[in-house]
Amino acid sequence: MSTDSRGISRRTALGRIAATAAFGATSLIASAETTSIPTTPAKLPAGRLKQSLSRWTSKEPLPALCKRMRSMGFVGVDLVHTDEWNIVNDSGLVVSMGYPTRREPFIQTGFNDPANHAMLLKELETTLPLAKRAGVKNMITMFGNRQPGIDTQQAIDNCVAGLSRIAPYAAENGITICVELLNSKVDHHGYQGDSTAFGAAVMKGVNSPNVKLLYDIYHMQIMEGDVIRTIRDNIQWIGHFHTGGVPGRHEINDTQELNFHAVAMAIADLNFSGFIAHEFMPARTDPFESFAEAVRICTV
């Protein structure tokens, strides 16, 4: 999501992540008394899912972050602005999700309000050719906050109308526009796209392979739960996933309420070919231990 307001905003979150964190080892170190496993980093299996990390979760300089990420099994960096795309590409990783703008507020301003369409379309029309040249395949946008005088059906119709205008240009450039589902209960009060049903209704109306949902597992667990069944029922409309532990939006291990390994297995079993991007605030002193752990959990 953007840098403006995910409960604790991304900007605030960045300020809380230790800039001096050391690299978390992903290997298993053997004890000479108990085992003969070599004391070298264990190579992670490739798995069936492509995993990336949201840029805002770390204050590490991007070149150094990319180097560490590659060693842990990540293949992409998520939520990256245009002026950083080349850094990611040069590192051997890919940009798994790009921003069309640095505009703030970003989350609240979406396609549910036709007053926003001209601005949103201009941003995307400007950025999509740049993304094509940089090899960026996904671009994020928002449903926006509820507006007075616009009921739910009107909001769906407005989203369909606006996204249908950009869909052909997205197809021409080989880009998928991903519209994110967020919770309105804890982090983003007033956000309209706070249920899978709302998002799926918009996707059915647009009916384009180049406009998909960004299904954020953290947010949808808060709003509706029943994550695996919901993903299975709506996978045709989903182009991208985000992770985060509930409650607190921290690690996706056994400190929170979801079995992310089972969720990852269910996604892989659907032959999902997009990215699952980790987007949580590490609670550990060394955030890279948490990032490496997330890769292991979702390697299926």
Protein backbone atom coordinates (compact mmCIF):
# COMPACT_ATOMS: atom_id res chain seq x y z
CA MET A 1 0.00 0.00 0.00
CA SER A 2 1.04 3.55 -0.07
CA THR A 3 3.06 5.73 2.21
CA ASP A 4 0.10 7.64 3.59
CA SER A 5 -2.08 5.58 5.93
CA ARG A 6 -2.01 1.85 6.69
CA GLY A 7 -3.08 2.10 10.30
CA ILE A 8 0.46 2.90 11.30
CA SER A 9 1.44 4.70 8.11
CA ARG A 10 4.24 3.41 5.96
CA ARG A 11 6.20 6.53 6.72
CA THR A 12 5.79 5.92 10.46
CA ALA A 13 6.54 2.26 10.01
CA LEU A 14 9.77 3.03 8.22
CA GLY A 15 10.82 5.18 11.13
CA ARG A 16 10.35 2.26 13.48
CA ILE A 17 12.43 -0.27 11.61
CA ALA A 18 16.04 -0.41 12.74
CA ALA A 19 18.33 1.04 10.12
CA THR A 20 21.31 -0.77 11.54
CA ALA A 21 19.81 -4.24 11.48
CA ALA A 22 22.29 -6.97 10.63
CA PHE A 23 21.60 -9.54 7.97
CA GLY A 24 19.50 -12.41 9.34
CA ALA A 25 21.00 -15.78 8.50
CA THR A 26 18.70 -18.10 6.59
CA SER A 27 20.89 -21.15 7.04
CA LEU A 28 20.89 -23.86 9.67
CA ILE A 29 24.18 -23.95 11.61
CA ALA A 30 25.12 -27.39 12.83
CA SER A 31 26.55 -28.28 16.19
CA ALA A 32 29.66 -30.46 15.87
CA GLU A 33 28.47 -32.64 18.73
CA THR A 34 25.04 -33.45 17.26
CA THR A 35 25.20 -33.35 13.46
CA SER A 36 27.47 -33.25 10.47
CA ILE A 37 25.41 -30.75 8.43
CA PRO A 38 27.85 -28.27 6.85
CA THR A 39 27.99 -24.79 8.39
CA THR A 40 27.15 -23.07 5.10
CA PRO A 41 23.94 -21.28 4.08
CA ALA A 42 21.23 -23.75 3.13
CA LYS A 43 19.92 -23.17 -0.36
CA LEU A 44 16.22 -22.45 -0.30
CA PRO A 45 14.05 -24.48 -2.66
CA ALA A 46 12.57 -22.41 -5.45
CA GLY A 47 9.03 -23.38 -4.55
CA ARG A 48 5.97 -22.72 -6.68
CA LEU A 49 5.35 -19.12 -5.68
CA LYS A 50 7.25 -15.98 -6.67
CA GLN A 51 7.94 -13.99 -3.52
CA SER A 52 8.76 -10.32 -3.16
CA LEU A 53 9.17 -7.79 -0.35
CA SER A 54 7.47 -4.42 -0.07
CA ARG A 55 10.05 -1.67 -0.27
CA TRP A 56 8.60 0.34 2.63
CA THR A 57 9.22 -2.44 5.17
CA SER A 58 12.97 -1.72 5.31
CA LYS A 59 15.09 1.42 5.70
CA GLU A 60 18.06 -0.38 4.17
CA PRO A 61 19.42 1.46 1.10
CA LEU A 62 17.80 -0.14 -1.91
CA PRO A 63 20.96 -1.62 -3.54
CA ALA A 64 21.98 -3.28 -0.25
CA LEU A 65 18.41 -4.43 0.38
CA CYS A 66 18.22 -6.06 -3.04
CA LYS A 67 21.50 -7.90 -2.45
CA ARG A 68 20.25 -9.29 0.85
CA MET A 69 16.88 -10.19 -0.62
CA ARG A 70 18.43 -12.23 -3.42
CA SER A 71 20.38 -14.31 -0.92
CA MET A 72 17.15 -15.14 0.91
CA GLY A 73 15.23 -16.36 -2.13
CA PHE A 74 13.21 -13.26 -3.02
CA VAL A 75 12.77 -12.57 -6.72
CA GLY A 76 11.18 -9.12 -6.60
CA VAL A 77 10.70 -5.83 -4.77
CA ASP A 78 7.15 -4.56 -4.31
CA LEU A 79 5.70 -1.04 -4.27
CA VAL A 80 8.60 0.75 -5.91
CA HIS A 81 8.52 4.25 -7.40
CA THR A 82 9.60 4.96 -10.97
CA ASP A 83 12.95 6.54 -10.02
CA GLU A 84 14.00 3.31 -8.28
CA TRP A 85 12.99 0.77 -10.92
CA ASN A 86 16.43 0.69 -12.53
CA ILE A 87 18.12 0.00 -9.20
CA VAL A 88 15.95 -3.06 -8.69
CA ASN A 89 16.45 -4.27 -12.26
CA ASP A 90 20.21 -3.80 -12.06
CA SER A 91 20.30 -5.95 -8.92
CA GLY A 92 18.89 -8.95 -10.75
CA LEU A 93 15.48 -8.69 -9.07
CA VAL A 94 12.26 -7.47 -10.68
CA VAL A 95 9.79 -4.79 -9.66
CA SER A 96 6.77 -6.87 -8.70
CA MET A 97 4.52 -3.83 -8.22
CA GLY A 98 5.07 -0.22 -9.25
CA TYR A 99 3.53 3.07 -8.20
CA PRO A 100 2.10 5.36 -10.89
CA THR A 101 2.74 8.46 -8.76
CA ARG A 102 4.20 9.81 -5.53
CA ARG A 103 0.99 11.76 -4.92
CA GLU A 104 -0.39 11.84 -1.40
CA PRO A 105 -2.93 11.03 -0.21
CA PHE A 106 -2.87 7.96 -2.41
CA ILE A 107 -5.14 5.39 -0.77
CA GLN A 108 -8.15 7.63 -0.23
CA THR A 109 -8.30 8.86 -3.82
CA GLY A 110 -9.70 6.15 -6.07
CA PHE A 111 -11.89 5.16 -8.96
CA ASN A 112 -15.09 5.04 -6.87
CA ASP A 113 -15.47 8.80 -7.35
CA PRO A 114 -15.72 9.97 -10.98
CA ALA A 115 -14.27 13.32 -9.92
CA ASN A 116 -10.93 11.50 -9.59
CA HIS A 117 -10.96 9.74 -12.94
CA ALA A 118 -9.18 12.37 -15.03
CA MET A 119 -6.26 12.59 -12.61
CA LEU A 120 -5.98 8.84 -12.05
CA LEU A 121 -6.14 8.06 -15.76
CA LYS A 122 -3.51 10.68 -16.56
CA GLU A 123 -1.15 9.22 -13.95
CA LEU A 124 -1.56 5.72 -15.35
CA GLU A 125 -1.37 6.80 -18.98
CA THR A 126 1.90 8.58 -18.23
CA THR A 127 3.45 5.72 -16.26
CA LEU A 128 2.37 2.63 -18.21
CA PRO A 129 4.80 3.19 -21.13
CA LEU A 130 7.61 3.74 -18.61
CA ALA A 131 6.68 0.50 -16.92
CA LYS A 132 6.72 -1.35 -20.21
CA ARG A 133 10.24 -0.14 -20.96
CA ALA A 134 11.40 -1.08 -17.46
CA GLY A 135 9.78 -4.51 -17.55
CA VAL A 136 7.40 -3.68 -14.70
CA LYS A 137 4.30 -5.85 -15.11
CA ASN A 138 2.03 -4.62 -12.29
CA MET A 139 0.81 -1.15 -11.33
CA ILE A 140 -1.15 -0.35 -8.17
CA THR A 141 -4.24 1.83 -7.87
CA MET A 142 -7.06 2.27 -5.35
CA PHE A 143 -10.83 2.04 -4.99
CA GLY A 144 -10.76 5.11 -2.72
CA ASN A 145 -12.69 6.24 0.34
CA ARG A 146 -16.50 6.32 0.44
CA GLN A 147 -17.98 9.61 -0.70
CA PRO A 148 -21.22 11.30 0.39
CA GLY A 149 -24.02 10.75 -2.10
CA ILE A 150 -22.37 7.75 -3.77
CA ASP A 151 -23.90 4.45 -2.70
CA THR A 152 -22.24 1.07 -3.06
CA GLN A 153 -23.69 0.22 -6.46
CA GLN A 154 -22.83 3.64 -7.83
CA ALA A 155 -19.29 3.22 -6.50
CA ILE A 156 -18.99 -0.14 -8.27
CA ASP A 157 -20.30 1.38 -11.50
CA ASN A 158 -17.89 4.30 -11.20
CA CYS A 159 -14.95 1.96 -10.70
CA VAL A 160 -16.00 -0.14 -13.67
CA ALA A 161 -16.33 2.95 -15.87
CA GLY A 162 -12.95 4.39 -14.95
CA LEU A 163 -10.96 1.16 -14.99
CA SER A 164 -12.54 0.09 -18.28
CA ARG A 165 -11.07 3.23 -19.86
CA ILE A 166 -7.52 2.34 -18.87
CA ALA A 167 -7.77 -1.43 -19.42
CA PRO A 168 -7.07 -1.34 -23.20
CA TYR A 169 -3.99 0.83 -22.72
CA ALA A 170 -2.78 -1.46 -19.93
CA ALA A 171 -3.19 -4.41 -22.31
CA GLU A 172 -1.33 -2.55 -25.06
CA ASN A 173 1.62 -2.07 -22.69
CA GLY A 174 1.46 -5.55 -21.17
CA ILE A 175 0.69 -4.23 -17.69
CA THR A 176 -1.84 -5.42 -15.09
CA ILE A 177 -3.56 -2.71 -13.07
CA CYS A 178 -3.99 -4.06 -9.52
CA VAL A 179 -6.66 -2.48 -7.31
CA GLU A 180 -6.10 -3.14 -3.63
CA LEU A 181 -8.54 -4.47 -1.06
CA LEU A 182 -8.00 -2.90 2.39
CA ASN A 183 -9.66 -3.11 5.77
CA SER A 184 -11.84 -0.24 6.94
CA LYS A 185 -12.11 -1.59 10.49
CA VAL A 186 -8.61 -0.96 11.85
CA ASP A 187 -6.31 0.81 9.40
CA HIS A 188 -8.26 2.62 6.68
CA HIS A 189 -11.54 3.89 8.03
CA GLY A 190 -13.87 4.85 5.20
CA TYR A 191 -12.13 2.84 2.49
CA GLN A 192 -14.69 1.53 -0.01
CA GLY A 193 -12.91 -1.55 -1.31
CA ASP A 194 -13.04 -3.38 2.00
CA SER A 195 -14.59 -6.67 0.88
CA THR A 196 -13.81 -9.29 -1.71
CA ALA A 197 -17.42 -9.07 -2.91
CA PHE A 198 -17.04 -5.38 -3.76
CA GLY A 199 -13.75 -5.95 -5.57
CA ALA A 200 -15.04 -8.99 -7.47
CA ALA A 201 -18.10 -7.04 -8.61
CA VAL A 202 -15.82 -4.39 -10.09
CA MET A 203 -13.58 -6.98 -11.74
CA LYS A 204 -16.59 -8.74 -13.29
CA GLY A 205 -17.78 -5.41 -14.68
CA VAL A 206 -14.41 -4.53 -16.19
CA ASN A 207 -13.80 -8.12 -17.30
CA SER A 208 -10.22 -7.56 -18.42
CA PRO A 209 -7.15 -9.75 -17.80
CA ASN A 210 -5.25 -6.49 -17.36
CA VAL A 211 -7.29 -5.28 -14.37
CA LYS A 212 -7.13 -7.48 -11.27
CA LEU A 213 -7.46 -7.36 -7.49
CA LEU A 214 -4.55 -6.96 -5.14
CA TYR A 215 -5.78 -9.31 -2.43
CA ASP A 216 -4.15 -8.27 0.83
CA ILE A 217 -4.43 -11.26 3.16
CA TYR A 218 -3.85 -9.15 6.27
CA HIS A 219 -6.67 -6.77 5.44
CA MET A 220 -9.15 -9.39 4.32
CA GLN A 221 -8.50 -11.54 7.39
CA ILE A 222 -9.53 -8.55 9.50
CA MET A 223 -12.64 -7.81 7.43
CA GLU A 224 -14.02 -11.23 6.58
CA GLY A 225 -11.70 -14.14 7.39
CA ASP A 226 -12.39 -17.39 5.50
CA VAL A 227 -9.28 -16.56 3.50
CA ILE A 228 -8.50 -19.81 1.70
CA ARG A 229 -12.05 -20.48 0.51
CA THR A 230 -12.44 -16.85 -0.59
CA ILE A 231 -9.19 -16.99 -2.56
CA ARG A 232 -10.26 -20.24 -4.24
CA ASP A 233 -13.65 -18.78 -5.18
CA ASN A 234 -12.19 -15.56 -6.58
CA ILE A 235 -8.77 -16.48 -7.95
CA GLN A 236 -9.78 -15.52 -11.49
CA TRP A 237 -10.05 -11.89 -10.33
CA ILE A 238 -6.83 -11.81 -8.26
CA GLY A 239 -3.53 -10.67 -9.75
CA HIS A 240 -1.35 -10.12 -6.67
CA PHE A 241 -1.15 -10.92 -2.96
CA HIS A 242 0.16 -9.12 0.12
CA THR A 243 0.91 -10.74 3.48
CA GLY A 244 0.92 -9.54 7.07
CA GLY A 245 0.15 -11.09 10.43
CA VAL A 246 -3.12 -10.45 12.28
CA PRO A 247 -3.27 -8.80 14.74
CA GLY A 248 -0.60 -6.12 14.54
CA ARG A 249 0.66 -6.55 11.00
CA HIS A 250 3.88 -8.18 12.11
CA GLU A 251 5.54 -11.49 11.23
CA ILE A 252 3.50 -14.21 9.50
CA ASN A 253 4.70 -16.95 11.87
CA ASP A 254 2.95 -18.58 14.83
CA THR A 255 2.70 -15.28 16.70
CA GLN A 256 -0.47 -14.49 14.73
CA GLU A 257 -3.73 -16.17 13.86
CA LEU A 258 -3.34 -17.43 10.29
CA ASN A 259 -1.49 -20.48 8.98
CA PHE A 260 0.35 -18.73 6.17
CA HIS A 261 2.03 -21.91 5.00
CA ALA A 262 -1.43 -23.39 4.38
CA VAL A 263 -2.55 -20.19 2.66
CA ALA A 264 0.53 -20.25 0.43
CA MET A 265 -0.09 -23.91 -0.39
CA ALA A 266 -3.69 -23.14 -1.37
CA ILE A 267 -2.56 -20.29 -3.64
CA ALA A 268 0.11 -22.45 -5.29
CA ASP A 269 -2.38 -25.29 -5.79
CA LEU A 270 -4.46 -22.87 -7.88
CA ASN A 271 -1.48 -22.50 -10.25
CA PHE A 272 -1.22 -18.82 -9.41
CA SER A 273 1.55 -17.29 -11.52
CA GLY A 274 1.71 -13.81 -9.96
CA PHE A 275 3.56 -12.56 -6.89
CA ILE A 276 2.98 -12.94 -3.19
CA ALA A 277 4.59 -9.89 -1.61
CA HIS A 278 5.44 -9.69 2.08
CA GLU A 279 4.24 -6.43 3.60
CA PHE A 280 4.58 -6.47 7.36
CA MET A 281 6.43 -4.56 10.08
CA PRO A 282 9.02 -6.88 11.68
CA ALA A 283 8.84 -6.99 15.46
CA ARG A 284 12.31 -8.54 15.77
CA THR A 285 15.43 -6.47 16.37
CA ASP A 286 16.85 -7.95 13.18
CA PRO A 287 14.14 -7.54 10.52
CA PHE A 288 16.01 -9.72 8.04
CA GLU A 289 15.43 -12.75 10.24
CA SER A 290 11.72 -12.09 9.79
CA PHE A 291 12.00 -11.56 6.03
CA ALA A 292 13.94 -14.81 5.61
CA GLU A 293 11.42 -16.63 7.78
CA ALA A 294 8.55 -15.34 5.62
CA VAL A 295 10.21 -16.77 2.53
CA ARG A 296 10.57 -20.15 4.22
CA ILE A 297 6.96 -20.15 5.39
CA CYS A 298 5.62 -19.41 1.90
CA THR A 299 7.98 -21.74 0.03
CA VAL A 300 5.64 -24.56 -0.98
